[in-house]
Amino acid sequence: MPFREVNSKMIEATVLPGQRLFSQRGAMLAYKGEVSFTPNIQGGQGGIMSMIGRRVANEATPLMTVEGSGTVLFGHGGHHIQVISLTGDTLYVEADRLLAFDGTLQQGTMFLGSQGGVMGMVRGQVTGQGLFTTTLKGQGAVAVMAHGGVIEVPITPQRPVHVDPQAYVAHHGDVRNKLSTALGWRDMVGRGSGEAFQLELSGSGAVYVQASEEKL
């Protein structure tokens, strides 16, 4: 894994010759060694078509290609950082939550409606995250940002997980998601908790939940 957690808001990345990382622009705090940072215009490992797809979907966060030999400290906005290891599966995450990721991972864009139909589209509007999300697939590590720390909640076929859409960070595995409503009489008369919508994730995998309902 190229990332080491220095503390809850900072990671150290090891950059090796012949390998590369991608990071959000402005996320580099300090570095040692012979390391270069260049604007990425090809959409990561997904190539130019991946970049076009993300721009059409308004899911394009400016990236830097990191190469050379040395170590780099990353952090951004004082946000908490969670490092996620992928072993061949796909991570679904909002582009603005990506701090840095392994150059071996293939990046793409997925229409939320394809996971949950119309309700998947509704989820994008309720969460304020839009109708598309970024995918990262393969073997490697991803550093994502969140408010107030992150917990990984396992998802099993026998036990779906319900998440407040505003607290959702990312998920991976063979997982389906849909938006469900929990409207009761208290919501109708204005005395409900405000958590009228829940994101239900079922299948096999894990969901990452932040300890806040605040967007980045």
N, C-alpha and C. Protein backbone atom coordinates (compact mmCIF):
# COMPACT_ATOMS: atom_id res chain seq x y z
N MET A 1 0.85 -1.19 0.00
CA MET A 1 0.00 0.00 0.00
C MET A 1 0.88 1.25 0.00
N PRO A 2 0.65 2.21 -0.92
CA PRO A 2 1.52 3.39 -0.99
C PRO A 2 1.23 4.43 0.07
N PHE A 3 0.12 4.30 0.83
CA PHE A 3 -0.28 5.33 1.77
C PHE A 3 -0.11 4.87 3.22
N ARG A 4 0.43 5.78 4.03
CA ARG A 4 0.55 5.54 5.47
C ARG A 4 -0.14 6.69 6.19
N GLU A 5 -1.02 6.35 7.13
CA GLU A 5 -1.75 7.37 7.87
C GLU A 5 -0.83 7.99 8.93
N VAL A 6 -0.53 9.27 8.77
CA VAL A 6 0.30 10.00 9.74
C VAL A 6 -0.55 10.36 10.96
N ASN A 7 -1.74 10.88 10.69
CA ASN A 7 -2.74 11.12 11.72
C ASN A 7 -4.10 11.09 11.02
N SER A 8 -5.15 11.49 11.70
CA SER A 8 -6.48 11.36 11.11
C SER A 8 -6.72 12.30 9.94
N LYS A 9 -5.84 13.31 9.76
CA LYS A 9 -6.06 14.30 8.72
C LYS A 9 -4.90 14.42 7.74
N MET A 10 -3.97 13.47 7.79
CA MET A 10 -2.80 13.55 6.94
C MET A 10 -2.28 12.15 6.62
N ILE A 11 -1.87 11.94 5.37
CA ILE A 11 -1.26 10.67 4.98
C ILE A 11 0.09 10.93 4.32
N GLU A 12 0.95 9.92 4.37
CA GLU A 12 2.22 9.96 3.67
C GLU A 12 2.19 8.93 2.55
N ALA A 13 2.54 9.36 1.34
CA ALA A 13 2.56 8.46 0.19
C ALA A 13 3.99 8.19 -0.23
N THR A 14 4.29 6.93 -0.50
CA THR A 14 5.60 6.54 -1.02
C THR A 14 5.52 6.48 -2.53
N VAL A 15 6.38 7.26 -3.19
CA VAL A 15 6.42 7.31 -4.65
C VAL A 15 7.66 6.57 -5.12
N LEU A 16 7.46 5.57 -5.98
CA LEU A 16 8.56 4.73 -6.45
C LEU A 16 8.78 4.96 -7.94
N PRO A 17 10.03 4.82 -8.42
CA PRO A 17 10.31 4.99 -9.85
C PRO A 17 9.48 4.01 -10.69
N GLY A 18 8.94 4.51 -11.79
CA GLY A 18 8.14 3.67 -12.67
C GLY A 18 6.70 3.52 -12.25
N GLN A 19 6.33 4.07 -11.11
CA GLN A 19 4.95 4.02 -10.65
C GLN A 19 4.42 5.45 -10.52
N ARG A 20 3.12 5.56 -10.40
CA ARG A 20 2.54 6.89 -10.27
C ARG A 20 1.31 6.87 -9.38
N LEU A 21 1.02 8.02 -8.83
CA LEU A 21 -0.19 8.24 -8.03
C LEU A 21 -0.97 9.38 -8.65
N PHE A 22 -2.24 9.47 -8.30
CA PHE A 22 -3.04 10.63 -8.67
C PHE A 22 -3.55 11.27 -7.39
N SER A 23 -3.53 12.60 -7.36
CA SER A 23 -4.02 13.32 -6.18
C SER A 23 -4.86 14.50 -6.62
N GLN A 24 -5.71 14.94 -5.70
CA GLN A 24 -6.48 16.15 -5.95
C GLN A 24 -5.53 17.34 -5.96
N ARG A 25 -5.75 18.25 -6.88
CA ARG A 25 -4.89 19.43 -6.94
C ARG A 25 -5.01 20.23 -5.66
N GLY A 26 -3.87 20.68 -5.15
CA GLY A 26 -3.85 21.44 -3.92
C GLY A 26 -3.76 20.59 -2.67
N ALA A 27 -3.66 19.25 -2.84
CA ALA A 27 -3.63 18.36 -1.67
C ALA A 27 -2.23 18.11 -1.15
N MET A 28 -1.19 18.45 -1.94
CA MET A 28 0.17 18.23 -1.50
C MET A 28 0.55 19.23 -0.40
N LEU A 29 1.03 18.71 0.74
CA LEU A 29 1.44 19.56 1.85
C LEU A 29 2.95 19.72 1.90
N ALA A 30 3.69 18.64 1.65
CA ALA A 30 5.15 18.67 1.66
C ALA A 30 5.65 17.40 1.00
N TYR A 31 6.91 17.42 0.54
CA TYR A 31 7.48 16.19 -0.03
C TYR A 31 8.98 16.18 0.13
N LYS A 32 9.54 14.96 0.06
CA LYS A 32 10.98 14.75 0.08
C LYS A 32 11.37 13.91 -1.12
N GLY A 33 12.54 14.18 -1.69
CA GLY A 33 13.02 13.40 -2.81
C GLY A 33 12.79 14.08 -4.14
N GLU A 34 12.97 13.32 -5.20
CA GLU A 34 12.78 13.81 -6.56
C GLU A 34 11.38 13.42 -7.03
N VAL A 35 10.41 14.29 -6.76
CA VAL A 35 9.01 14.01 -7.07
C VAL A 35 8.47 15.12 -7.96
N SER A 36 7.72 14.74 -9.00
CA SER A 36 7.13 15.72 -9.90
C SER A 36 5.61 15.69 -9.78
N PHE A 37 4.99 16.85 -9.99
CA PHE A 37 3.54 17.00 -9.94
C PHE A 37 3.10 17.68 -11.22
N THR A 38 2.32 17.00 -12.04
CA THR A 38 1.88 17.55 -13.31
C THR A 38 0.37 17.43 -13.43
N PRO A 39 -0.30 18.45 -14.01
CA PRO A 39 -1.75 18.36 -14.20
C PRO A 39 -2.10 17.15 -15.06
N ASN A 40 -3.15 16.44 -14.66
CA ASN A 40 -3.59 15.26 -15.39
C ASN A 40 -4.72 15.64 -16.32
N ILE A 41 -4.59 15.34 -17.61
CA ILE A 41 -5.61 15.73 -18.59
C ILE A 41 -6.24 14.51 -19.25
N GLN A 42 -5.89 13.30 -18.81
CA GLN A 42 -6.40 12.10 -19.47
C GLN A 42 -7.34 11.29 -18.60
N GLY A 43 -7.75 11.85 -17.46
CA GLY A 43 -8.75 11.15 -16.65
C GLY A 43 -8.22 9.94 -15.93
N GLY A 44 -6.95 9.99 -15.47
CA GLY A 44 -6.40 8.86 -14.73
C GLY A 44 -6.22 7.65 -15.61
N GLN A 45 -6.30 6.47 -15.01
CA GLN A 45 -6.08 5.23 -15.73
C GLN A 45 -7.20 4.93 -16.72
N GLY A 46 -8.33 5.64 -16.60
CA GLY A 46 -9.45 5.40 -17.50
C GLY A 46 -9.27 6.02 -18.87
N GLY A 47 -8.26 6.88 -19.06
CA GLY A 47 -7.99 7.47 -20.36
C GLY A 47 -8.89 8.64 -20.68
N ILE A 48 -8.77 9.08 -21.95
CA ILE A 48 -9.45 10.30 -22.37
C ILE A 48 -10.96 10.14 -22.35
N MET A 49 -11.49 8.94 -22.67
CA MET A 49 -12.94 8.77 -22.66
C MET A 49 -13.50 8.85 -21.25
N SER A 50 -12.70 8.39 -20.27
CA SER A 50 -13.12 8.52 -18.88
C SER A 50 -13.22 9.98 -18.49
N MET A 51 -12.24 10.78 -18.94
CA MET A 51 -12.25 12.20 -18.62
C MET A 51 -13.46 12.88 -19.23
N ILE A 52 -13.76 12.56 -20.51
CA ILE A 52 -14.92 13.17 -21.17
C ILE A 52 -16.21 12.80 -20.45
N GLY A 53 -16.31 11.52 -20.07
CA GLY A 53 -17.51 11.06 -19.37
C GLY A 53 -17.70 11.79 -18.06
N ARG A 54 -16.62 12.04 -17.32
CA ARG A 54 -16.76 12.72 -16.04
C ARG A 54 -17.09 14.19 -16.22
N ARG A 55 -16.57 14.81 -17.28
CA ARG A 55 -16.89 16.22 -17.50
C ARG A 55 -18.34 16.38 -17.93
N VAL A 56 -18.83 15.49 -18.77
CA VAL A 56 -20.24 15.53 -19.16
C VAL A 56 -21.12 15.35 -17.93
N ALA A 57 -20.68 14.48 -17.01
CA ALA A 57 -21.45 14.20 -15.80
C ALA A 57 -21.20 15.23 -14.69
N ASN A 58 -20.34 16.23 -14.96
CA ASN A 58 -19.96 17.20 -13.94
C ASN A 58 -19.37 16.50 -12.72
N GLU A 59 -18.61 15.43 -12.97
CA GLU A 59 -18.03 14.63 -11.89
C GLU A 59 -16.51 14.65 -12.03
N ALA A 60 -15.95 15.76 -12.55
CA ALA A 60 -14.52 15.84 -12.80
C ALA A 60 -13.86 16.75 -11.78
N THR A 61 -13.03 16.18 -10.93
CA THR A 61 -12.24 16.95 -9.98
C THR A 61 -10.81 17.03 -10.52
N PRO A 62 -10.21 18.24 -10.60
CA PRO A 62 -8.86 18.37 -11.15
C PRO A 62 -7.88 17.47 -10.41
N LEU A 63 -7.08 16.72 -11.17
CA LEU A 63 -6.12 15.79 -10.59
C LEU A 63 -4.70 16.17 -10.97
N MET A 64 -3.76 15.74 -10.14
CA MET A 64 -2.34 15.85 -10.43
C MET A 64 -1.76 14.45 -10.55
N THR A 65 -0.86 14.26 -11.51
CA THR A 65 -0.09 13.02 -11.61
C THR A 65 1.17 13.18 -10.79
N VAL A 66 1.42 12.24 -9.89
CA VAL A 66 2.57 12.29 -8.99
C VAL A 66 3.53 11.17 -9.38
N GLU A 67 4.77 11.52 -9.73
CA GLU A 67 5.75 10.53 -10.17
C GLU A 67 7.13 10.88 -9.61
N GLY A 68 8.03 9.89 -9.66
CA GLY A 68 9.40 10.12 -9.23
C GLY A 68 9.84 9.14 -8.17
N SER A 69 10.60 9.65 -7.20
CA SER A 69 11.11 8.82 -6.11
C SER A 69 11.17 9.67 -4.84
N GLY A 70 10.37 9.29 -3.85
CA GLY A 70 10.37 10.05 -2.60
C GLY A 70 9.09 9.80 -1.81
N THR A 71 8.79 10.71 -0.90
CA THR A 71 7.58 10.62 -0.10
C THR A 71 6.84 11.96 -0.15
N VAL A 72 5.52 11.89 -0.09
CA VAL A 72 4.68 13.08 -0.18
C VAL A 72 3.66 13.06 0.95
N LEU A 73 3.47 14.20 1.60
CA LEU A 73 2.42 14.35 2.60
C LEU A 73 1.21 14.98 1.94
N PHE A 74 0.04 14.33 2.11
CA PHE A 74 -1.20 14.83 1.55
C PHE A 74 -2.21 15.14 2.65
N GLY A 75 -2.99 16.18 2.42
CA GLY A 75 -4.11 16.54 3.29
C GLY A 75 -4.87 17.65 2.60
N HIS A 76 -6.10 17.91 3.04
CA HIS A 76 -6.87 18.95 2.35
C HIS A 76 -7.99 19.46 3.26
N GLY A 77 -7.96 20.75 3.53
CA GLY A 77 -9.05 21.40 4.25
C GLY A 77 -9.27 20.93 5.67
N GLY A 78 -8.31 20.23 6.25
CA GLY A 78 -8.48 19.70 7.59
C GLY A 78 -9.47 18.57 7.69
N HIS A 79 -9.82 17.96 6.54
CA HIS A 79 -10.79 16.86 6.54
C HIS A 79 -10.14 15.58 7.07
N HIS A 80 -10.96 14.72 7.66
CA HIS A 80 -10.49 13.40 8.06
C HIS A 80 -10.25 12.56 6.81
N ILE A 81 -9.27 11.68 6.90
CA ILE A 81 -8.88 10.86 5.75
C ILE A 81 -9.02 9.38 6.09
N GLN A 82 -9.62 8.64 5.18
CA GLN A 82 -9.76 7.20 5.32
C GLN A 82 -9.07 6.53 4.13
N VAL A 83 -8.17 5.58 4.41
CA VAL A 83 -7.49 4.82 3.36
C VAL A 83 -8.24 3.51 3.15
N ILE A 84 -8.63 3.25 1.91
CA ILE A 84 -9.39 2.06 1.55
C ILE A 84 -8.56 1.21 0.59
N SER A 85 -8.40 -0.07 0.90
CA SER A 85 -7.67 -0.99 0.03
C SER A 85 -8.64 -1.77 -0.84
N LEU A 86 -8.36 -1.80 -2.14
CA LEU A 86 -9.17 -2.56 -3.08
C LEU A 86 -8.39 -3.79 -3.56
N THR A 87 -9.09 -4.91 -3.65
CA THR A 87 -8.45 -6.15 -4.07
C THR A 87 -9.16 -6.72 -5.29
N GLY A 88 -9.39 -5.85 -6.27
CA GLY A 88 -10.02 -6.28 -7.51
C GLY A 88 -11.46 -5.84 -7.66
N ASP A 89 -12.08 -5.34 -6.59
CA ASP A 89 -13.46 -4.89 -6.70
C ASP A 89 -13.52 -3.41 -7.05
N THR A 90 -14.72 -2.86 -7.03
CA THR A 90 -14.94 -1.48 -7.46
C THR A 90 -15.39 -0.62 -6.29
N LEU A 91 -14.79 0.56 -6.16
CA LEU A 91 -15.20 1.53 -5.15
C LEU A 91 -16.04 2.61 -5.83
N TYR A 92 -17.17 2.93 -5.21
CA TYR A 92 -18.05 4.00 -5.69
C TYR A 92 -17.91 5.17 -4.72
N VAL A 93 -17.50 6.34 -5.23
CA VAL A 93 -17.20 7.46 -4.35
C VAL A 93 -17.40 8.76 -5.13
N GLU A 94 -17.83 9.82 -4.43
CA GLU A 94 -17.97 11.12 -5.08
C GLU A 94 -16.58 11.69 -5.38
N ALA A 95 -16.43 12.30 -6.56
CA ALA A 95 -15.12 12.76 -7.02
C ALA A 95 -14.49 13.76 -6.05
N ASP A 96 -15.30 14.64 -5.45
CA ASP A 96 -14.72 15.66 -4.58
C ASP A 96 -14.23 15.09 -3.25
N ARG A 97 -14.52 13.81 -2.98
CA ARG A 97 -14.01 13.17 -1.77
C ARG A 97 -12.66 12.49 -2.00
N LEU A 98 -12.20 12.41 -3.24
CA LEU A 98 -10.94 11.74 -3.53
C LEU A 98 -9.76 12.64 -3.17
N LEU A 99 -8.91 12.16 -2.29
CA LEU A 99 -7.69 12.89 -1.95
C LEU A 99 -6.54 12.40 -2.83
N ALA A 100 -6.35 11.08 -2.88
CA ALA A 100 -5.29 10.49 -3.68
C ALA A 100 -5.62 9.02 -3.91
N PHE A 101 -5.06 8.45 -4.99
CA PHE A 101 -5.27 7.03 -5.24
C PHE A 101 -4.16 6.46 -6.11
N ASP A 102 -4.03 5.15 -6.03
CA ASP A 102 -3.02 4.40 -6.75
C ASP A 102 -3.20 4.56 -8.25
N GLY A 103 -2.09 4.73 -8.96
CA GLY A 103 -2.16 4.87 -10.41
C GLY A 103 -2.55 3.61 -11.13
N THR A 104 -2.55 2.48 -10.43
CA THR A 104 -2.94 1.21 -11.05
C THR A 104 -4.45 1.06 -11.16
N LEU A 105 -5.21 1.90 -10.47
CA LEU A 105 -6.67 1.77 -10.46
C LEU A 105 -7.27 2.43 -11.69
N GLN A 106 -8.30 1.80 -12.23
CA GLN A 106 -9.00 2.33 -13.39
C GLN A 106 -10.16 3.19 -12.94
N GLN A 107 -10.19 4.42 -13.45
CA GLN A 107 -11.19 5.38 -13.02
C GLN A 107 -12.28 5.51 -14.06
N GLY A 108 -13.53 5.63 -13.61
CA GLY A 108 -14.65 5.79 -14.52
C GLY A 108 -15.78 6.55 -13.87
N THR A 109 -16.92 6.62 -14.55
CA THR A 109 -18.11 7.32 -14.05
C THR A 109 -19.32 6.41 -14.22
N MET A 110 -20.19 6.38 -13.20
CA MET A 110 -21.39 5.56 -13.27
C MET A 110 -22.62 6.41 -13.03
N PHE A 111 -23.65 6.17 -13.82
CA PHE A 111 -24.93 6.83 -13.66
C PHE A 111 -25.67 6.19 -12.49
N LEU A 112 -26.05 6.99 -11.50
CA LEU A 112 -26.67 6.46 -10.30
C LEU A 112 -27.96 5.70 -10.59
N GLY A 113 -28.66 6.07 -11.66
CA GLY A 113 -29.89 5.39 -11.98
C GLY A 113 -29.69 3.92 -12.30
N SER A 114 -28.45 3.52 -12.69
CA SER A 114 -28.20 2.12 -13.00
C SER A 114 -28.08 1.27 -11.75
N GLN A 115 -27.97 1.90 -10.59
CA GLN A 115 -27.98 1.17 -9.32
C GLN A 115 -29.17 1.67 -8.50
N GLY A 116 -30.29 1.09 -8.76
CA GLY A 116 -31.49 1.49 -8.02
C GLY A 116 -32.53 2.18 -8.87
N GLY A 117 -32.35 2.18 -10.21
CA GLY A 117 -33.35 2.74 -11.10
C GLY A 117 -33.64 4.20 -10.81
N VAL A 118 -34.91 4.54 -10.88
CA VAL A 118 -35.33 5.93 -10.65
C VAL A 118 -34.93 6.38 -9.24
N MET A 119 -35.04 5.46 -8.27
CA MET A 119 -34.70 5.83 -6.90
C MET A 119 -33.22 6.16 -6.77
N GLY A 120 -32.40 5.55 -7.62
CA GLY A 120 -30.98 5.90 -7.62
C GLY A 120 -30.79 7.35 -8.04
N MET A 121 -31.60 7.80 -8.99
CA MET A 121 -31.52 9.20 -9.42
C MET A 121 -32.01 10.12 -8.32
N VAL A 122 -33.10 9.70 -7.64
CA VAL A 122 -33.62 10.50 -6.54
C VAL A 122 -32.57 10.65 -5.45
N ARG A 123 -31.84 9.55 -5.18
CA ARG A 123 -30.79 9.59 -4.16
C ARG A 123 -29.78 10.69 -4.47
N GLY A 124 -29.39 10.80 -5.75
CA GLY A 124 -28.42 11.83 -6.12
C GLY A 124 -28.92 13.22 -5.82
N GLN A 125 -30.21 13.45 -6.02
CA GLN A 125 -30.78 14.76 -5.76
C GLN A 125 -30.91 15.02 -4.26
N VAL A 126 -31.33 14.02 -3.49
CA VAL A 126 -31.51 14.18 -2.04
C VAL A 126 -30.18 14.45 -1.36
N THR A 127 -29.13 13.73 -1.78
CA THR A 127 -27.83 13.89 -1.13
C THR A 127 -27.09 15.12 -1.62
N GLY A 128 -27.55 15.69 -2.73
CA GLY A 128 -26.84 16.84 -3.30
C GLY A 128 -25.60 16.42 -4.06
N GLN A 129 -25.45 15.12 -4.34
CA GLN A 129 -24.24 14.62 -5.00
C GLN A 129 -24.41 14.50 -6.50
N GLY A 130 -25.59 14.84 -7.03
CA GLY A 130 -25.80 14.74 -8.46
C GLY A 130 -26.23 13.35 -8.88
N LEU A 131 -26.28 13.13 -10.20
CA LEU A 131 -26.78 11.87 -10.74
C LEU A 131 -25.68 10.90 -11.10
N PHE A 132 -24.42 11.28 -10.93
CA PHE A 132 -23.31 10.43 -11.31
C PHE A 132 -22.35 10.28 -10.14
N THR A 133 -21.57 9.20 -10.17
CA THR A 133 -20.56 8.99 -9.14
C THR A 133 -19.30 8.43 -9.80
N THR A 134 -18.16 8.58 -9.15
CA THR A 134 -16.89 8.09 -9.68
C THR A 134 -16.66 6.65 -9.24
N THR A 135 -16.07 5.85 -10.13
CA THR A 135 -15.72 4.48 -9.80
C THR A 135 -14.21 4.30 -9.92
N LEU A 136 -13.65 3.51 -9.01
CA LEU A 136 -12.24 3.13 -9.05
C LEU A 136 -12.19 1.61 -8.93
N LYS A 137 -11.52 0.96 -9.87
CA LYS A 137 -11.55 -0.49 -9.93
C LYS A 137 -10.15 -1.06 -10.07
N GLY A 138 -9.87 -2.17 -9.36
CA GLY A 138 -8.61 -2.87 -9.51
C GLY A 138 -7.94 -3.17 -8.19
N GLN A 139 -6.62 -3.29 -8.25
CA GLN A 139 -5.80 -3.57 -7.07
C GLN A 139 -5.06 -2.30 -6.68
N GLY A 140 -5.30 -1.81 -5.48
CA GLY A 140 -4.62 -0.60 -5.05
C GLY A 140 -5.31 0.04 -3.87
N ALA A 141 -4.86 1.25 -3.53
CA ALA A 141 -5.38 1.96 -2.37
C ALA A 141 -5.94 3.31 -2.77
N VAL A 142 -6.94 3.76 -2.01
CA VAL A 142 -7.60 5.03 -2.24
C VAL A 142 -7.69 5.78 -0.92
N ALA A 143 -7.37 7.07 -0.92
CA ALA A 143 -7.54 7.91 0.26
C ALA A 143 -8.72 8.84 0.01
N VAL A 144 -9.76 8.73 0.84
CA VAL A 144 -10.95 9.56 0.68
C VAL A 144 -11.09 10.49 1.88
N MET A 145 -11.80 11.61 1.68
CA MET A 145 -11.99 12.61 2.72
C MET A 145 -13.41 12.59 3.26
N ALA A 146 -13.54 12.96 4.53
CA ALA A 146 -14.85 12.98 5.16
C ALA A 146 -14.83 13.94 6.34
N HIS A 147 -16.02 14.22 6.88
CA HIS A 147 -16.14 15.05 8.08
C HIS A 147 -16.25 14.15 9.31
N GLY A 148 -15.46 14.44 10.32
CA GLY A 148 -15.64 13.81 11.62
C GLY A 148 -15.26 12.36 11.73
N GLY A 149 -14.46 11.84 10.82
CA GLY A 149 -14.05 10.44 10.89
C GLY A 149 -14.99 9.52 10.14
N VAL A 150 -14.51 8.31 9.84
CA VAL A 150 -15.26 7.36 9.02
C VAL A 150 -15.26 5.99 9.69
N ILE A 151 -16.38 5.29 9.56
CA ILE A 151 -16.47 3.92 10.03
C ILE A 151 -16.87 3.04 8.85
N GLU A 152 -16.27 1.84 8.78
CA GLU A 152 -16.61 0.87 7.74
C GLU A 152 -17.67 -0.09 8.28
N VAL A 153 -18.80 -0.17 7.59
CA VAL A 153 -19.90 -1.03 8.02
C VAL A 153 -20.06 -2.17 7.00
N PRO A 154 -19.86 -3.42 7.43
CA PRO A 154 -20.01 -4.54 6.49
C PRO A 154 -21.45 -4.68 6.01
N ILE A 155 -21.59 -5.12 4.75
CA ILE A 155 -22.90 -5.40 4.16
C ILE A 155 -22.93 -6.88 3.79
N THR A 156 -23.93 -7.60 4.27
CA THR A 156 -24.07 -9.02 3.97
C THR A 156 -25.46 -9.27 3.36
N PRO A 157 -25.60 -10.36 2.59
CA PRO A 157 -26.90 -10.64 1.97
C PRO A 157 -28.02 -10.76 3.00
N GLN A 158 -27.69 -11.24 4.19
CA GLN A 158 -28.72 -11.43 5.21
C GLN A 158 -29.04 -10.15 5.97
N ARG A 159 -28.17 -9.16 5.87
CA ARG A 159 -28.37 -7.96 6.69
C ARG A 159 -28.02 -6.70 5.90
N PRO A 160 -28.99 -6.11 5.19
CA PRO A 160 -28.75 -4.83 4.51
C PRO A 160 -28.44 -3.73 5.53
N VAL A 161 -27.82 -2.68 5.05
CA VAL A 161 -27.46 -1.55 5.90
C VAL A 161 -28.22 -0.32 5.42
N HIS A 162 -28.79 0.42 6.39
CA HIS A 162 -29.50 1.66 6.08
C HIS A 162 -28.66 2.84 6.57
N VAL A 163 -28.46 3.81 5.67
CA VAL A 163 -27.56 4.93 5.96
C VAL A 163 -28.27 6.24 5.66
N ASP A 164 -28.04 7.23 6.49
CA ASP A 164 -28.48 8.58 6.17
C ASP A 164 -27.74 9.02 4.91
N PRO A 165 -28.43 9.41 3.85
CA PRO A 165 -27.74 9.77 2.61
C PRO A 165 -26.68 10.84 2.78
N GLN A 166 -26.89 11.76 3.72
CA GLN A 166 -25.91 12.83 3.94
C GLN A 166 -24.63 12.31 4.61
N ALA A 167 -24.72 11.17 5.28
CA ALA A 167 -23.55 10.61 5.97
C ALA A 167 -22.80 9.61 5.10
N TYR A 168 -23.35 9.27 3.94
CA TYR A 168 -22.72 8.30 3.03
C TYR A 168 -21.44 8.88 2.45
N VAL A 169 -20.37 8.07 2.44
CA VAL A 169 -19.09 8.48 1.86
C VAL A 169 -18.78 7.68 0.61
N ALA A 170 -18.83 6.35 0.72
CA ALA A 170 -18.46 5.48 -0.40
C ALA A 170 -18.90 4.06 -0.08
N HIS A 171 -18.87 3.19 -1.09
CA HIS A 171 -19.09 1.77 -0.83
C HIS A 171 -18.34 0.94 -1.88
N HIS A 172 -18.10 -0.31 -1.56
CA HIS A 172 -17.47 -1.20 -2.52
C HIS A 172 -18.08 -2.59 -2.39
N GLY A 173 -17.84 -3.41 -3.41
CA GLY A 173 -18.35 -4.77 -3.43
C GLY A 173 -19.53 -4.93 -4.36
N ASP A 174 -20.15 -6.08 -4.30
CA ASP A 174 -21.34 -6.37 -5.10
C ASP A 174 -22.56 -5.88 -4.33
N VAL A 175 -22.82 -4.60 -4.45
CA VAL A 175 -23.81 -3.94 -3.61
C VAL A 175 -24.84 -3.22 -4.47
N ARG A 176 -26.09 -3.35 -4.10
CA ARG A 176 -27.17 -2.60 -4.71
C ARG A 176 -27.62 -1.51 -3.74
N ASN A 177 -28.01 -0.37 -4.27
CA ASN A 177 -28.50 0.68 -3.37
C ASN A 177 -29.83 1.21 -3.86
N LYS A 178 -30.66 1.59 -2.92
CA LYS A 178 -31.92 2.22 -3.26
C LYS A 178 -32.30 3.18 -2.14
N LEU A 179 -33.08 4.17 -2.51
CA LEU A 179 -33.53 5.16 -1.53
C LEU A 179 -34.90 4.76 -1.03
N SER A 180 -35.05 4.71 0.28
CA SER A 180 -36.36 4.40 0.87
C SER A 180 -36.82 5.56 1.72
N THR A 181 -38.09 5.66 1.93
CA THR A 181 -38.64 6.74 2.73
C THR A 181 -39.13 6.20 4.06
N ALA A 182 -39.06 7.04 5.06
CA ALA A 182 -39.54 6.67 6.40
C ALA A 182 -40.48 7.75 6.91
N LEU A 183 -41.39 8.14 6.05
CA LEU A 183 -42.32 9.21 6.39
C LEU A 183 -43.41 8.70 7.33
N GLY A 184 -43.58 9.37 8.44
CA GLY A 184 -44.64 9.04 9.38
C GLY A 184 -45.46 10.28 9.68
N TRP A 185 -46.38 10.15 10.59
CA TRP A 185 -47.25 11.28 10.89
C TRP A 185 -46.49 12.46 11.48
N ARG A 186 -45.37 12.17 12.19
CA ARG A 186 -44.58 13.28 12.74
C ARG A 186 -43.97 14.13 11.63
N ASP A 187 -43.53 13.45 10.54
CA ASP A 187 -42.97 14.20 9.43
C ASP A 187 -44.05 15.04 8.75
N MET A 188 -45.26 14.49 8.68
CA MET A 188 -46.34 15.20 8.02
C MET A 188 -46.72 16.47 8.76
N VAL A 189 -46.57 16.48 10.10
CA VAL A 189 -46.96 17.66 10.86
C VAL A 189 -45.76 18.49 11.29
N GLY A 190 -44.58 18.12 10.76
CA GLY A 190 -43.41 18.94 11.02
C GLY A 190 -42.69 18.65 12.31
N ARG A 191 -42.90 17.45 12.92
CA ARG A 191 -42.23 17.14 14.18
C ARG A 191 -41.30 15.93 14.04
N GLY A 192 -40.97 15.59 12.80
CA GLY A 192 -40.09 14.44 12.59
C GLY A 192 -38.63 14.80 12.82
N SER A 193 -37.79 13.77 12.73
CA SER A 193 -36.36 13.96 12.97
C SER A 193 -35.66 14.60 11.77
N GLY A 194 -36.33 14.65 10.61
CA GLY A 194 -35.70 15.16 9.41
C GLY A 194 -35.05 14.06 8.59
N GLU A 195 -34.93 12.85 9.13
CA GLU A 195 -34.30 11.74 8.43
C GLU A 195 -35.37 10.92 7.72
N ALA A 196 -36.09 11.59 6.81
CA ALA A 196 -37.20 10.94 6.13
C ALA A 196 -36.74 9.98 5.05
N PHE A 197 -35.50 10.18 4.54
CA PHE A 197 -34.96 9.32 3.50
C PHE A 197 -33.79 8.51 4.04
N GLN A 198 -33.74 7.25 3.64
CA GLN A 198 -32.64 6.38 4.04
C GLN A 198 -32.09 5.69 2.79
N LEU A 199 -30.78 5.53 2.76
CA LEU A 199 -30.13 4.81 1.68
C LEU A 199 -29.95 3.36 2.12
N GLU A 200 -30.61 2.44 1.43
CA GLU A 200 -30.52 1.03 1.76
C GLU A 200 -29.52 0.34 0.84
N LEU A 201 -28.49 -0.29 1.41
CA LEU A 201 -27.48 -1.00 0.64
C LEU A 201 -27.55 -2.48 0.97
N SER A 202 -27.66 -3.31 -0.06
CA SER A 202 -27.78 -4.74 0.14
C SER A 202 -26.81 -5.48 -0.77
N GLY A 203 -26.47 -6.71 -0.39
CA GLY A 203 -25.54 -7.52 -1.16
C GLY A 203 -24.35 -7.92 -0.32
N SER A 204 -23.16 -7.88 -0.91
CA SER A 204 -21.92 -8.24 -0.20
C SER A 204 -20.87 -7.17 -0.43
N GLY A 205 -20.40 -6.57 0.65
CA GLY A 205 -19.39 -5.52 0.53
C GLY A 205 -19.31 -4.71 1.80
N ALA A 206 -19.08 -3.41 1.66
CA ALA A 206 -18.99 -2.53 2.82
C ALA A 206 -19.34 -1.11 2.40
N VAL A 207 -19.88 -0.35 3.34
CA VAL A 207 -20.18 1.05 3.12
C VAL A 207 -19.40 1.86 4.14
N TYR A 208 -18.93 3.03 3.72
CA TYR A 208 -18.17 3.92 4.59
C TYR A 208 -19.06 5.11 4.96
N VAL A 209 -19.21 5.34 6.26
CA VAL A 209 -20.12 6.35 6.77
C VAL A 209 -19.33 7.36 7.60
N GLN A 210 -19.61 8.66 7.36
CA GLN A 210 -18.92 9.69 8.13
C GLN A 210 -19.74 10.10 9.34
N ALA A 211 -19.04 10.64 10.34
CA ALA A 211 -19.69 11.03 11.60
C ALA A 211 -20.24 12.45 11.51
N SER A 212 -20.88 12.75 10.39
CA SER A 212 -21.42 14.09 10.17
C SER A 212 -22.39 14.02 9.01
N GLU A 213 -23.31 14.97 8.95
CA GLU A 213 -24.21 15.07 7.80
C GLU A 213 -23.83 16.26 6.93
N GLU A 214 -22.59 16.71 7.07
CA GLU A 214 -22.11 17.89 6.33
C GLU A 214 -21.35 17.46 5.09
N LYS A 215 -21.62 18.10 3.95
CA LYS A 215 -20.86 17.83 2.74
C LYS A 215 -19.51 18.51 2.79
N LEU A 216 -18.58 18.05 1.96
CA LEU A 216 -17.26 18.66 1.90
C LEU A 216 -17.37 20.05 1.29
